[in-house]
Amino acid sequence: MLGAYDLVKLEEPPFDEKIWAELKTNDAPTRATAYPVSRVVIGANVDFPTKAPQLAAFFKAYGMSAEMTSKMLAEAREKGITPEQQALAFLKAQPELWKRWLPAEAAQKVAASL
């Protein structure tokens, strides 16, 4: 939904642990604080890299911004298309992004199939 609108992030006071704890327990808080920074961790079974090295390499190379993800999801919704159709549209529109995730030979095969 975020990609469908021109939203502006509101400024918040810096994160304060005491105020955050109060916000979680008070139905009528009188002070505000920013959300704490969340650390995202990607994990896999220790055998995964040896059992699926190509897939492990892809996951290590993959990266897309939340903004781009929101934009793609919003476009799919606006157009009324399936996730598969939107994925194809993404591959056609963003080759400079996704080619970085693949070995050169695989990227060439994907590009040729588009």
PDB file of N, CA and C in Angstrom:
ATOM      1  N   MET A   1       0.807  -1.202   0.000  1.00  0.00           N
ATOM      2  CA  MET A   1       0.000   0.000   0.000  1.00  0.00           C
ATOM      3  C   MET A   1       0.853   1.270   0.000  1.00  0.00           C
ATOM      4  N   LEU A   2       2.011   1.224   0.639  1.00  0.00           N
ATOM      5  CA  LEU A   2       2.812   2.442   0.731  1.00  0.00           C
ATOM      6  C   LEU A   2       3.217   2.974  -0.629  1.00  0.00           C
ATOM      7  N   GLY A   3       3.467   2.078  -1.576  1.00  0.00           N
ATOM      8  CA  GLY A   3       3.890   2.500  -2.889  1.00  0.00           C
ATOM      9  C   GLY A   3       2.786   3.156  -3.697  1.00  0.00           C
ATOM     10  N   ALA A   4       1.538   3.028  -3.250  1.00  0.00           N
ATOM     11  CA  ALA A   4       0.403   3.586  -3.992  1.00  0.00           C
ATOM     12  C   ALA A   4       0.156   5.055  -3.662  1.00  0.00           C
ATOM     13  N   TYR A   5       0.826   5.565  -2.643  1.00  0.00           N
ATOM     14  CA  TYR A   5       0.569   6.930  -2.197  1.00  0.00           C
ATOM     15  C   TYR A   5       1.871   7.715  -2.063  1.00  0.00           C
ATOM     16  N   ASP A   6       1.780   9.005  -2.191  1.00  0.00           N
ATOM     17  CA  ASP A   6       2.931   9.878  -2.001  1.00  0.00           C
ATOM     18  C   ASP A   6       2.957  10.286  -0.527  1.00  0.00           C
ATOM     19  N   LEU A   7       3.522   9.428   0.302  1.00  0.00           N
ATOM     20  CA  LEU A   7       3.523   9.650   1.743  1.00  0.00           C
ATOM     21  C   LEU A   7       4.762  10.418   2.181  1.00  0.00           C
ATOM     22  N   VAL A   8       4.640  11.092   3.302  1.00  0.00           N
ATOM     23  CA  VAL A   8       5.751  11.830   3.893  1.00  0.00           C
ATOM     24  C   VAL A   8       5.978  11.267   5.288  1.00  0.00           C
ATOM     25  N   LYS A   9       7.207  10.903   5.580  1.00  0.00           N
ATOM     26  CA  LYS A   9       7.523  10.390   6.905  1.00  0.00           C
ATOM     27  C   LYS A   9       7.511  11.544   7.901  1.00  0.00           C
ATOM     28  N   LEU A  10       6.765  11.364   8.965  1.00  0.00           N
ATOM     29  CA  LEU A  10       6.687  12.388  10.006  1.00  0.00           C
ATOM     30  C   LEU A  10       7.902  12.285  10.918  1.00  0.00           C
ATOM     31  N   GLU A  11       8.401  13.412  11.311  1.00  0.00           N
ATOM     32  CA  GLU A  11       9.532  13.441  12.240  1.00  0.00           C
ATOM     33  C   GLU A  11       9.037  13.063  13.631  1.00  0.00           C
ATOM     34  N   GLU A  12       9.811  12.267  14.313  1.00  0.00           N
ATOM     35  CA  GLU A  12       9.477  11.850  15.668  1.00  0.00           C
ATOM     36  C   GLU A  12      10.627  12.217  16.596  1.00  0.00           C
ATOM     37  N   PRO A  13      10.316  12.331  17.881  1.00  0.00           N
ATOM     38  CA  PRO A  13      11.420  12.545  18.829  1.00  0.00           C
ATOM     39  C   PRO A  13      12.348  11.332  18.784  1.00  0.00           C
ATOM     40  N   PRO A  14      13.618  11.492  19.111  1.00  0.00           N
ATOM     41  CA  PRO A  14      14.541  10.349  19.096  1.00  0.00           C
ATOM     42  C   PRO A  14      14.034   9.229  20.003  1.00  0.00           C
ATOM     43  N   PHE A  15      14.448   8.005  19.687  1.00  0.00           N
ATOM     44  CA  PHE A  15      14.030   6.855  20.479  1.00  0.00           C
ATOM     45  C   PHE A  15      14.480   7.009  21.922  1.00  0.00           C
ATOM     46  N   ASP A  16      13.546   6.727  22.842  1.00  0.00           N
ATOM     47  CA  ASP A  16      13.815   6.767  24.273  1.00  0.00           C
ATOM     48  C   ASP A  16      13.238   5.486  24.870  1.00  0.00           C
ATOM     49  N   GLU A  17      14.084   4.653  25.427  1.00  0.00           N
ATOM     50  CA  GLU A  17      13.662   3.347  25.936  1.00  0.00           C
ATOM     51  C   GLU A  17      12.598   3.448  27.031  1.00  0.00           C
ATOM     52  N   LYS A  18      12.719   4.427  27.924  1.00  0.00           N
ATOM     53  CA  LYS A  18      11.731   4.582  29.007  1.00  0.00           C
ATOM     54  C   LYS A  18      10.366   4.972  28.449  1.00  0.00           C
ATOM     55  N   ILE A  19      10.362   5.893  27.496  1.00  0.00           N
ATOM     56  CA  ILE A  19       9.080   6.310  26.896  1.00  0.00           C
ATOM     57  C   ILE A  19       8.491   5.143  26.106  1.00  0.00           C
ATOM     58  N   TRP A  20       9.337   4.389  25.408  1.00  0.00           N
ATOM     59  CA  TRP A  20       8.863   3.234  24.644  1.00  0.00           C
ATOM     60  C   TRP A  20       8.171   2.230  25.562  1.00  0.00           C
ATOM     61  N   ALA A  21       8.772   1.945  26.706  1.00  0.00           N
ATOM     62  CA  ALA A  21       8.177   1.017  27.669  1.00  0.00           C
ATOM     63  C   ALA A  21       6.830   1.544  28.152  1.00  0.00           C
ATOM     64  N   GLU A  22       6.741   2.841  28.373  1.00  0.00           N
ATOM     65  CA  GLU A  22       5.492   3.469  28.807  1.00  0.00           C
ATOM     66  C   GLU A  22       4.416   3.358  27.717  1.00  0.00           C
ATOM     67  N   LEU A  23       4.798   3.556  26.465  1.00  0.00           N
ATOM     68  CA  LEU A  23       3.842   3.470  25.356  1.00  0.00           C
ATOM     69  C   LEU A  23       3.222   2.076  25.245  1.00  0.00           C
ATOM     70  N   LYS A  24       3.997   1.074  25.577  1.00  0.00           N
ATOM     71  CA  LYS A  24       3.500  -0.302  25.457  1.00  0.00           C
ATOM     72  C   LYS A  24       2.514  -0.666  26.551  1.00  0.00           C
ATOM     73  N   THR A  25       2.491   0.090  27.639  1.00  0.00           N
ATOM     74  CA  THR A  25       1.622  -0.263  28.762  1.00  0.00           C
ATOM     75  C   THR A  25       0.538   0.767  29.052  1.00  0.00           C
ATOM     76  N   ASN A  26       0.580   1.894  28.375  1.00  0.00           N
ATOM     77  CA  ASN A  26      -0.338   2.994  28.672  1.00  0.00           C
ATOM     78  C   ASN A  26      -1.292   3.219  27.503  1.00  0.00           C
ATOM     79  N   ASP A  27      -2.608   3.209  27.774  1.00  0.00           N
ATOM     80  CA  ASP A  27      -3.600   3.445  26.728  1.00  0.00           C
ATOM     81  C   ASP A  27      -3.752   4.925  26.386  1.00  0.00           C
ATOM     82  N   ALA A  28      -3.217   5.796  27.220  1.00  0.00           N
ATOM     83  CA  ALA A  28      -3.317   7.238  26.973  1.00  0.00           C
ATOM     84  C   ALA A  28      -1.968   7.893  27.254  1.00  0.00           C
ATOM     85  N   PRO A  29      -0.968   7.599  26.421  1.00  0.00           N
ATOM     86  CA  PRO A  29       0.375   8.148  26.683  1.00  0.00           C
ATOM     87  C   PRO A  29       0.402   9.665  26.507  1.00  0.00           C
ATOM     88  N   THR A  30       1.303  10.292  27.225  1.00  0.00           N
ATOM     89  CA  THR A  30       1.440  11.755  27.132  1.00  0.00           C
ATOM     90  C   THR A  30       2.740  12.162  26.452  1.00  0.00           C
ATOM     91  N   ARG A  31       3.605  11.178  26.184  1.00  0.00           N
ATOM     92  CA  ARG A  31       4.870  11.465  25.511  1.00  0.00           C
ATOM     93  C   ARG A  31       5.020  10.507  24.323  1.00  0.00           C
ATOM     94  N   ALA A  32       5.837  10.917  23.387  1.00  0.00           N
ATOM     95  CA  ALA A  32       6.060  10.095  22.201  1.00  0.00           C
ATOM     96  C   ALA A  32       7.551   9.859  21.998  1.00  0.00           C
ATOM     97  N   THR A  33       7.850   8.805  21.265  1.00  0.00           N
ATOM     98  CA  THR A  33       9.223   8.488  20.892  1.00  0.00           C
ATOM     99  C   THR A  33       9.210   7.729  19.577  1.00  0.00           C
ATOM    100  N   ALA A  34      10.308   7.793  18.864  1.00  0.00           N
ATOM    101  CA  ALA A  34      10.423   7.030  17.632  1.00  0.00           C
ATOM    102  C   ALA A  34      10.469   5.534  17.948  1.00  0.00           C
ATOM    103  N   TYR A  35      10.186   4.717  16.949  1.00  0.00           N
ATOM    104  CA  TYR A  35      10.318   3.280  17.109  1.00  0.00           C
ATOM    105  C   TYR A  35      11.796   2.938  17.248  1.00  0.00           C
ATOM    106  N   PRO A  36      12.093   1.864  17.962  1.00  0.00           N
ATOM    107  CA  PRO A  36      13.496   1.446  18.026  1.00  0.00           C
ATOM    108  C   PRO A  36      13.919   0.903  16.658  1.00  0.00           C
ATOM    109  N   VAL A  37      15.198   0.978  16.377  1.00  0.00           N
ATOM    110  CA  VAL A  37      15.722   0.436  15.136  1.00  0.00           C
ATOM    111  C   VAL A  37      15.672  -1.085  15.231  1.00  0.00           C
ATOM    112  N   SER A  38      15.130  -1.714  14.204  1.00  0.00           N
ATOM    113  CA  SER A  38      15.047  -3.176  14.178  1.00  0.00           C
ATOM    114  C   SER A  38      16.192  -3.730  13.349  1.00  0.00           C
ATOM    115  N   ARG A  39      16.835  -4.712  13.877  1.00  0.00           N
ATOM    116  CA  ARG A  39      17.919  -5.379  13.147  1.00  0.00           C
ATOM    117  C   ARG A  39      17.324  -6.579  12.428  1.00  0.00           C
ATOM    118  N   VAL A  40      17.537  -6.662  11.137  1.00  0.00           N
ATOM    119  CA  VAL A  40      17.043  -7.779  10.346  1.00  0.00           C
ATOM    120  C   VAL A  40      18.161  -8.807  10.203  1.00  0.00           C
ATOM    121  N   VAL A  41      17.840 -10.034  10.516  1.00  0.00           N
ATOM    122  CA  VAL A  41      18.818 -11.106  10.443  1.00  0.00           C
ATOM    123  C   VAL A  41      18.315 -12.155   9.461  1.00  0.00           C
ATOM    124  N   ILE A  42      19.166 -12.547   8.550  1.00  0.00           N
ATOM    125  CA  ILE A  42      18.829 -13.599   7.605  1.00  0.00           C
ATOM    126  C   ILE A  42      19.619 -14.833   8.016  1.00  0.00           C
ATOM    127  N   GLY A  43      18.925 -15.930   8.170  1.00  0.00           N
ATOM    128  CA  GLY A  43      19.595 -17.138   8.619  1.00  0.00           C
ATOM    129  C   GLY A  43      19.202 -18.342   7.788  1.00  0.00           C
ATOM    130  N   ALA A  44      20.002 -19.374   7.877  1.00  0.00           N
ATOM    131  CA  ALA A  44      19.724 -20.616   7.166  1.00  0.00           C
ATOM    132  C   ALA A  44      20.345 -21.769   7.939  1.00  0.00           C
ATOM    133  N   ASN A  45      19.887 -22.944   7.642  1.00  0.00           N
ATOM    134  CA  ASN A  45      20.454 -24.152   8.191  1.00  0.00           C
ATOM    135  C   ASN A  45      21.936 -24.211   7.813  1.00  0.00           C
ATOM    136  N   VAL A  46      22.783 -24.695   8.700  1.00  0.00           N
ATOM    137  CA  VAL A  46      24.226 -24.712   8.433  1.00  0.00           C
ATOM    138  C   VAL A  46      24.590 -25.530   7.199  1.00  0.00           C
ATOM    139  N   ASP A  47      23.756 -26.483   6.818  1.00  0.00           N
ATOM    140  CA  ASP A  47      24.021 -27.300   5.642  1.00  0.00           C
ATOM    141  C   ASP A  47      23.560 -26.643   4.344  1.00  0.00           C
ATOM    142  N   PHE A  48      22.758 -25.599   4.444  1.00  0.00           N
ATOM    143  CA  PHE A  48      22.173 -24.980   3.256  1.00  0.00           C
ATOM    144  C   PHE A  48      23.211 -24.538   2.224  1.00  0.00           C
ATOM    145  N   PRO A  49      24.268 -23.810   2.609  1.00  0.00           N
ATOM    146  CA  PRO A  49      25.236 -23.364   1.601  1.00  0.00           C
ATOM    147  C   PRO A  49      25.916 -24.506   0.835  1.00  0.00           C
ATOM    148  N   THR A  50      26.105 -25.651   1.476  1.00  0.00           N
ATOM    149  CA  THR A  50      26.740 -26.762   0.768  1.00  0.00           C
ATOM    150  C   THR A  50      25.723 -27.566  -0.036  1.00  0.00           C
ATOM    151  N   LYS A  51      24.486 -27.625   0.416  1.00  0.00           N
ATOM    152  CA  LYS A  51      23.460 -28.380  -0.313  1.00  0.00           C
ATOM    153  C   LYS A  51      22.854 -27.568  -1.459  1.00  0.00           C
ATOM    154  N   ALA A  52      22.853 -26.258  -1.347  1.00  0.00           N
ATOM    155  CA  ALA A  52      22.278 -25.402  -2.394  1.00  0.00           C
ATOM    156  C   ALA A  52      23.157 -24.167  -2.587  1.00  0.00           C
ATOM    157  N   PRO A  53      24.389 -24.362  -3.063  1.00  0.00           N
ATOM    158  CA  PRO A  53      25.325 -23.239  -3.151  1.00  0.00           C
ATOM    159  C   PRO A  53      24.869 -22.111  -4.081  1.00  0.00           C
ATOM    160  N   GLN A  54      24.200 -22.456  -5.182  1.00  0.00           N
ATOM    161  CA  GLN A  54      23.734 -21.408  -6.101  1.00  0.00           C
ATOM    162  C   GLN A  54      22.643 -20.567  -5.455  1.00  0.00           C
ATOM    163  N   LEU A  55      21.751 -21.229  -4.756  1.00  0.00           N
ATOM    164  CA  LEU A  55      20.683 -20.496  -4.076  1.00  0.00           C
ATOM    165  C   LEU A  55      21.241 -19.664  -2.925  1.00  0.00           C
ATOM    166  N   ALA A  56      22.197 -20.209  -2.200  1.00  0.00           N
ATOM    167  CA  ALA A  56      22.830 -19.456  -1.116  1.00  0.00           C
ATOM    168  C   ALA A  56      23.529 -18.219  -1.671  1.00  0.00           C
ATOM    169  N   ALA A  57      24.193 -18.353  -2.791  1.00  0.00           N
ATOM    170  CA  ALA A  57      24.872 -17.209  -3.412  1.00  0.00           C
ATOM    171  C   ALA A  57      23.849 -16.157  -3.841  1.00  0.00           C
ATOM    172  N   PHE A  58      22.718 -16.617  -4.378  1.00  0.00           N
ATOM    173  CA  PHE A  58      21.660 -15.683  -4.773  1.00  0.00           C
ATOM    174  C   PHE A  58      21.170 -14.893  -3.559  1.00  0.00           C
ATOM    175  N   PHE A  59      20.868 -15.577  -2.474  1.00  0.00           N
ATOM    176  CA  PHE A  59      20.372 -14.896  -1.278  1.00  0.00           C
ATOM    177  C   PHE A  59      21.385 -13.899  -0.720  1.00  0.00           C
ATOM    178  N   LYS A  60      22.664 -14.229  -0.818  1.00  0.00           N
ATOM    179  CA  LYS A  60      23.693 -13.306  -0.344  1.00  0.00           C
ATOM    180  C   LYS A  60      23.770 -12.058  -1.222  1.00  0.00           C
ATOM    181  N   ALA A  61      23.544 -12.240  -2.522  1.00  0.00           N
ATOM    182  CA  ALA A  61      23.643 -11.119  -3.462  1.00  0.00           C
ATOM    183  C   ALA A  61      22.360 -10.298  -3.549  1.00  0.00           C
ATOM    184  N   TYR A  62      21.225 -10.904  -3.219  1.00  0.00           N
ATOM    185  CA  TYR A  62      19.925 -10.246  -3.371  1.00  0.00           C
ATOM    186  C   TYR A  62      19.830  -9.015  -2.482  1.00  0.00           C
ATOM    187  N   GLY A  63      19.222  -7.997  -3.026  1.00  0.00           N
ATOM    188  CA  GLY A  63      18.944  -6.809  -2.233  1.00  0.00           C
ATOM    189  C   GLY A  63      17.990  -5.901  -2.984  1.00  0.00           C
ATOM    190  N   MET A  64      16.951  -5.477  -2.325  1.00  0.00           N
ATOM    191  CA  MET A  64      15.999  -4.557  -2.927  1.00  0.00           C
ATOM    192  C   MET A  64      15.457  -3.674  -1.811  1.00  0.00           C
ATOM    193  N   SER A  65      15.281  -2.407  -2.127  1.00  0.00           N
ATOM    194  CA  SER A  65      14.815  -1.468  -1.111  1.00  0.00           C
ATOM    195  C   SER A  65      13.333  -1.667  -0.804  1.00  0.00           C
ATOM    196  N   ALA A  66      12.933  -1.248   0.365  1.00  0.00           N
ATOM    197  CA  ALA A  66      11.518  -1.284   0.728  1.00  0.00           C
ATOM    198  C   ALA A  66      10.717  -0.398  -0.220  1.00  0.00           C
ATOM    199  N   GLU A  67      11.329   0.695  -0.655  1.00  0.00           N
ATOM    200  CA  GLU A  67      10.657   1.604  -1.593  1.00  0.00           C
ATOM    201  C   GLU A  67      10.344   0.899  -2.910  1.00  0.00           C
ATOM    202  N   MET A  68      11.308   0.169  -3.447  1.00  0.00           N
ATOM    203  CA  MET A  68      11.094  -0.544  -4.706  1.00  0.00           C
ATOM    204  C   MET A  68      10.040  -1.637  -4.530  1.00  0.00           C
ATOM    205  N   THR A  69      10.115  -2.370  -3.428  1.00  0.00           N
ATOM    206  CA  THR A  69       9.135  -3.419  -3.159  1.00  0.00           C
ATOM    207  C   THR A  69       7.732  -2.820  -3.088  1.00  0.00           C
ATOM    208  N   SER A  70       7.582  -1.729  -2.356  1.00  0.00           N
ATOM    209  CA  SER A  70       6.278  -1.069  -2.249  1.00  0.00           C
ATOM    210  C   SER A  70       5.780  -0.599  -3.606  1.00  0.00           C
ATOM    211  N   LYS A  71       6.689  -0.052  -4.396  1.00  0.00           N
ATOM    212  CA  LYS A  71       6.324   0.426  -5.732  1.00  0.00           C
ATOM    213  C   LYS A  71       5.811  -0.725  -6.590  1.00  0.00           C
ATOM    214  N   MET A  72       6.508  -1.853  -6.591  1.00  0.00           N
ATOM    215  CA  MET A  72       6.102  -3.005  -7.397  1.00  0.00           C
ATOM    216  C   MET A  72       4.760  -3.565  -6.923  1.00  0.00           C
ATOM    217  N   LEU A  73       4.567  -3.648  -5.616  1.00  0.00           N
ATOM    218  CA  LEU A  73       3.299  -4.153  -5.086  1.00  0.00           C
ATOM    219  C   LEU A  73       2.143  -3.222  -5.437  1.00  0.00           C
ATOM    220  N   ALA A  74       2.378  -1.915  -5.351  1.00  0.00           N
ATOM    221  CA  ALA A  74       1.343  -0.942  -5.686  1.00  0.00           C
ATOM    222  C   ALA A  74       0.984  -1.017  -7.167  1.00  0.00           C
ATOM    223  N   GLU A  75       2.000  -1.152  -8.029  1.00  0.00           N
ATOM    224  CA  GLU A  75       1.747  -1.262  -9.463  1.00  0.00           C
ATOM    225  C   GLU A  75       0.901  -2.494  -9.771  1.00  0.00           C
ATOM    226  N   ALA A  76       1.209  -3.609  -9.148  1.00  0.00           N
ATOM    227  CA  ALA A  76       0.445  -4.838  -9.384  1.00  0.00           C
ATOM    228  C   ALA A  76      -1.006  -4.646  -8.972  1.00  0.00           C
ATOM    229  N   ARG A  77      -1.199  -4.026  -7.852  1.00  0.00           N
ATOM    230  CA  ARG A  77      -2.574  -3.797  -7.372  1.00  0.00           C
ATOM    231  C   ARG A  77      -3.322  -2.855  -8.307  1.00  0.00           C
ATOM    232  N   GLU A  78      -2.671  -1.754  -8.698  1.00  0.00           N
ATOM    233  CA  GLU A  78      -3.317  -0.781  -9.578  1.00  0.00           C
ATOM    234  C   GLU A  78      -3.684  -1.387 -10.922  1.00  0.00           C
ATOM    235  N   LYS A  79      -2.817  -2.243 -11.444  1.00  0.00           N
ATOM    236  CA  LYS A  79      -3.052  -2.854 -12.751  1.00  0.00           C
ATOM    237  C   LYS A  79      -3.957  -4.087 -12.672  1.00  0.00           C
ATOM    238  N   GLY A  80      -4.149  -4.595 -11.449  1.00  0.00           N
ATOM    239  CA  GLY A  80      -4.955  -5.795 -11.278  1.00  0.00           C
ATOM    240  C   GLY A  80      -4.296  -7.027 -11.871  1.00  0.00           C
ATOM    241  N   ILE A  81      -2.977  -7.118 -11.725  1.00  0.00           N
ATOM    242  CA  ILE A  81      -2.247  -8.247 -12.295  1.00  0.00           C
ATOM    243  C   ILE A  81      -1.740  -9.179 -11.202  1.00  0.00           C
ATOM    244  N   THR A  82      -1.374 -10.372 -11.609  1.00  0.00           N
ATOM    245  CA  THR A  82      -0.908 -11.383 -10.659  1.00  0.00           C
ATOM    246  C   THR A  82       0.528 -11.083 -10.219  1.00  0.00           C
ATOM    247  N   PRO A  83       0.955 -11.679  -9.121  1.00  0.00           N
ATOM    248  CA  PRO A  83       2.355 -11.517  -8.708  1.00  0.00           C
ATOM    249  C   PRO A  83       3.328 -11.994  -9.793  1.00  0.00           C
ATOM    250  N   GLU A  84       2.963 -13.053 -10.498  1.00  0.00           N
ATOM    251  CA  GLU A  84       3.830 -13.559 -11.567  1.00  0.00           C
ATOM    252  C   GLU A  84       3.963 -12.533 -12.687  1.00  0.00           C
ATOM    253  N   GLN A  85       2.843 -11.898 -13.045  1.00  0.00           N
ATOM    254  CA  GLN A  85       2.885 -10.874 -14.091  1.00  0.00           C
ATOM    255  C   GLN A  85       3.711  -9.670 -13.645  1.00  0.00           C
ATOM    256  N   GLN A  86       3.585  -9.305 -12.378  1.00  0.00           N
ATOM    257  CA  GLN A  86       4.362  -8.172 -11.872  1.00  0.00           C
ATOM    258  C   GLN A  86       5.844  -8.520 -11.808  1.00  0.00           C
ATOM    259  N   ALA A  87       6.159  -9.754 -11.451  1.00  0.00           N
ATOM    260  CA  ALA A  87       7.556 -10.180 -11.424  1.00  0.00           C
ATOM    261  C   ALA A  87       8.164 -10.071 -12.820  1.00  0.00           C
ATOM    262  N   LEU A  88       7.417 -10.473 -13.830  1.00  0.00           N
ATOM    263  CA  LEU A  88       7.898 -10.369 -15.204  1.00  0.00           C
ATOM    264  C   LEU A  88       8.101  -8.904 -15.593  1.00  0.00           C
ATOM    265  N   ALA A  89       7.164  -8.049 -15.208  1.00  0.00           N
ATOM    266  CA  ALA A  89       7.295  -6.615 -15.481  1.00  0.00           C
ATOM    267  C   ALA A  89       8.540  -6.058 -14.786  1.00  0.00           C
ATOM    268  N   PHE A  90       8.794  -6.499 -13.555  1.00  0.00           N
ATOM    269  CA  PHE A  90       9.983  -6.077 -12.819  1.00  0.00           C
ATOM    270  C   PHE A  90      11.253  -6.502 -13.546  1.00  0.00           C
ATOM    271  N   LEU A  91      11.299  -7.756 -13.975  1.00  0.00           N
ATOM    272  CA  LEU A  91      12.489  -8.258 -14.667  1.00  0.00           C
ATOM    273  C   LEU A  91      12.768  -7.457 -15.936  1.00  0.00           C
ATOM    274  N   LYS A  92      11.722  -7.086 -16.643  1.00  0.00           N
ATOM    275  CA  LYS A  92      11.894  -6.320 -17.875  1.00  0.00           C
ATOM    276  C   LYS A  92      12.323  -4.880 -17.588  1.00  0.00           C
ATOM    277  N   ALA A  93      11.811  -4.304 -16.503  1.00  0.00           N
ATOM    278  CA  ALA A  93      12.059  -2.888 -16.208  1.00  0.00           C
ATOM    279  C   ALA A  93      13.323  -2.629 -15.401  1.00  0.00           C
ATOM    280  N   GLN A  94      13.805  -3.615 -14.661  1.00  0.00           N
ATOM    281  CA  GLN A  94      14.912  -3.393 -13.727  1.00  0.00           C
ATOM    282  C   GLN A  94      16.096  -4.345 -13.933  1.00  0.00           C
ATOM    283  N   PRO A  95      16.543  -4.560 -15.168  1.00  0.00           N
ATOM    284  CA  PRO A  95      17.644  -5.516 -15.357  1.00  0.00           C
ATOM    285  C   PRO A  95      18.928  -5.123 -14.638  1.00  0.00           C
ATOM    286  N   GLU A  96      19.190  -3.812 -14.518  1.00  0.00           N
ATOM    287  CA  GLU A  96      20.417  -3.379 -13.846  1.00  0.00           C
ATOM    288  C   GLU A  96      20.426  -3.772 -12.372  1.00  0.00           C
ATOM    289  N   LEU A  97      19.259  -3.990 -11.792  1.00  0.00           N
ATOM    290  CA  LEU A  97      19.161  -4.396 -10.393  1.00  0.00           C
ATOM    291  C   LEU A  97      19.312  -5.908 -10.260  1.00  0.00           C
ATOM    292  N   TRP A  98      18.427  -6.659 -10.922  1.00  0.00           N
ATOM    293  CA  TRP A  98      18.423  -8.108 -10.698  1.00  0.00           C
ATOM    294  C   TRP A  98      19.624  -8.833 -11.299  1.00  0.00           C
ATOM    295  N   LYS A  99      20.265  -8.261 -12.301  1.00  0.00           N
ATOM    296  CA  LYS A  99      21.438  -8.942 -12.875  1.00  0.00           C
ATOM    297  C   LYS A  99      22.581  -9.043 -11.863  1.00  0.00           C
ATOM    298  N   ARG A 100      22.586  -8.162 -10.872  1.00  0.00           N
ATOM    299  CA  ARG A 100      23.621  -8.213  -9.825  1.00  0.00           C
ATOM    300  C   ARG A 100      23.434  -9.405  -8.898  1.00  0.00           C
ATOM    301  N   TRP A 101      22.247  -9.987  -8.899  1.00  0.00           N
ATOM    302  CA  TRP A 101      21.953 -11.092  -7.997  1.00  0.00           C
ATOM    303  C   TRP A 101      22.364 -12.442  -8.562  1.00  0.00           C
ATOM    304  N   LEU A 102      22.674 -12.471  -9.858  1.00  0.00           N
ATOM    305  CA  LEU A 102      22.911 -13.744 -10.543  1.00  0.00           C
ATOM    306  C   LEU A 102      24.311 -13.825 -11.140  1.00  0.00           C
ATOM    307  N   PRO A 103      24.807 -15.047 -11.336  1.00  0.00           N
ATOM    308  CA  PRO A 103      26.031 -15.193 -12.110  1.00  0.00           C
ATOM    309  C   PRO A 103      25.754 -14.680 -13.532  1.00  0.00           C
ATOM    310  N   ALA A 104      26.773 -14.183 -14.209  1.00  0.00           N
ATOM    311  CA  ALA A 104      26.607 -13.570 -15.534  1.00  0.00           C
ATOM    312  C   ALA A 104      25.893 -14.489 -16.518  1.00  0.00           C
ATOM    313  N   GLU A 105      26.258 -15.754 -16.521  1.00  0.00           N
ATOM    314  CA  GLU A 105      25.639 -16.693 -17.468  1.00  0.00           C
ATOM    315  C   GLU A 105      24.137 -16.847 -17.194  1.00  0.00           C
ATOM    316  N   ALA A 106      23.766 -16.951 -15.944  1.00  0.00           N
ATOM    317  CA  ALA A 106      22.347 -17.072 -15.586  1.00  0.00           C
ATOM    318  C   ALA A 106      21.595 -15.787 -15.927  1.00  0.00           C
ATOM    319  N   ALA A 107      22.205 -14.639 -15.662  1.00  0.00           N
ATOM    320  CA  ALA A 107      21.564 -13.364 -15.978  1.00  0.00           C
ATOM    321  C   ALA A 107      21.328 -13.247 -17.482  1.00  0.00           C
ATOM    322  N   GLN A 108      22.287 -13.699 -18.289  1.00  0.00           N
ATOM    323  CA  GLN A 108      22.124 -13.664 -19.741  1.00  0.00           C
ATOM    324  C   GLN A 108      20.960 -14.537 -20.192  1.00  0.00           C
ATOM    325  N   LYS A 109      20.815 -15.709 -19.578  1.00  0.00           N
ATOM    326  CA  LYS A 109      19.716 -16.624 -19.925  1.00  0.00           C
ATOM    327  C   LYS A 109      18.368 -15.997 -19.555  1.00  0.00           C
ATOM    328  N   VAL A 110      18.284 -15.399 -18.387  1.00  0.00           N
ATOM    329  CA  VAL A 110      17.021 -14.754 -17.971  1.00  0.00           C
ATOM    330  C   VAL A 110      16.703 -13.619 -18.937  1.00  0.00           C
ATOM    331  N   ALA A 111      17.674 -12.780 -19.208  1.00  0.00           N
ATOM    332  CA  ALA A 111      17.455 -11.639 -20.102  1.00  0.00           C
ATOM    333  C   ALA A 111      17.008 -12.112 -21.484  1.00  0.00           C
ATOM    334  N   ALA A 112      17.608 -13.156 -21.991  1.00  0.00           N
ATOM    335  CA  ALA A 112      17.245 -13.682 -23.312  1.00  0.00           C
ATOM    336  C   ALA A 112      15.821 -14.225 -23.331  1.00  0.00           C
ATOM    337  N   SER A 113      15.375 -14.744 -22.202  1.00  0.00           N
ATOM    338  CA  SER A 113      14.021 -15.324 -22.139  1.00  0.00           C
ATOM    339  C   SER A 113      12.933 -14.264 -22.019  1.00  0.00           C
ATOM    340  N   LEU A 114      13.317 -13.038 -21.701  1.00  0.00           N
ATOM    341  CA  LEU A 114      12.335 -11.967 -21.552  1.00  0.00           C
ATOM    342  C   LEU A 114      11.910 -11.454 -22.911  1.00  0.00           C
TER     343      LEU A 114
END
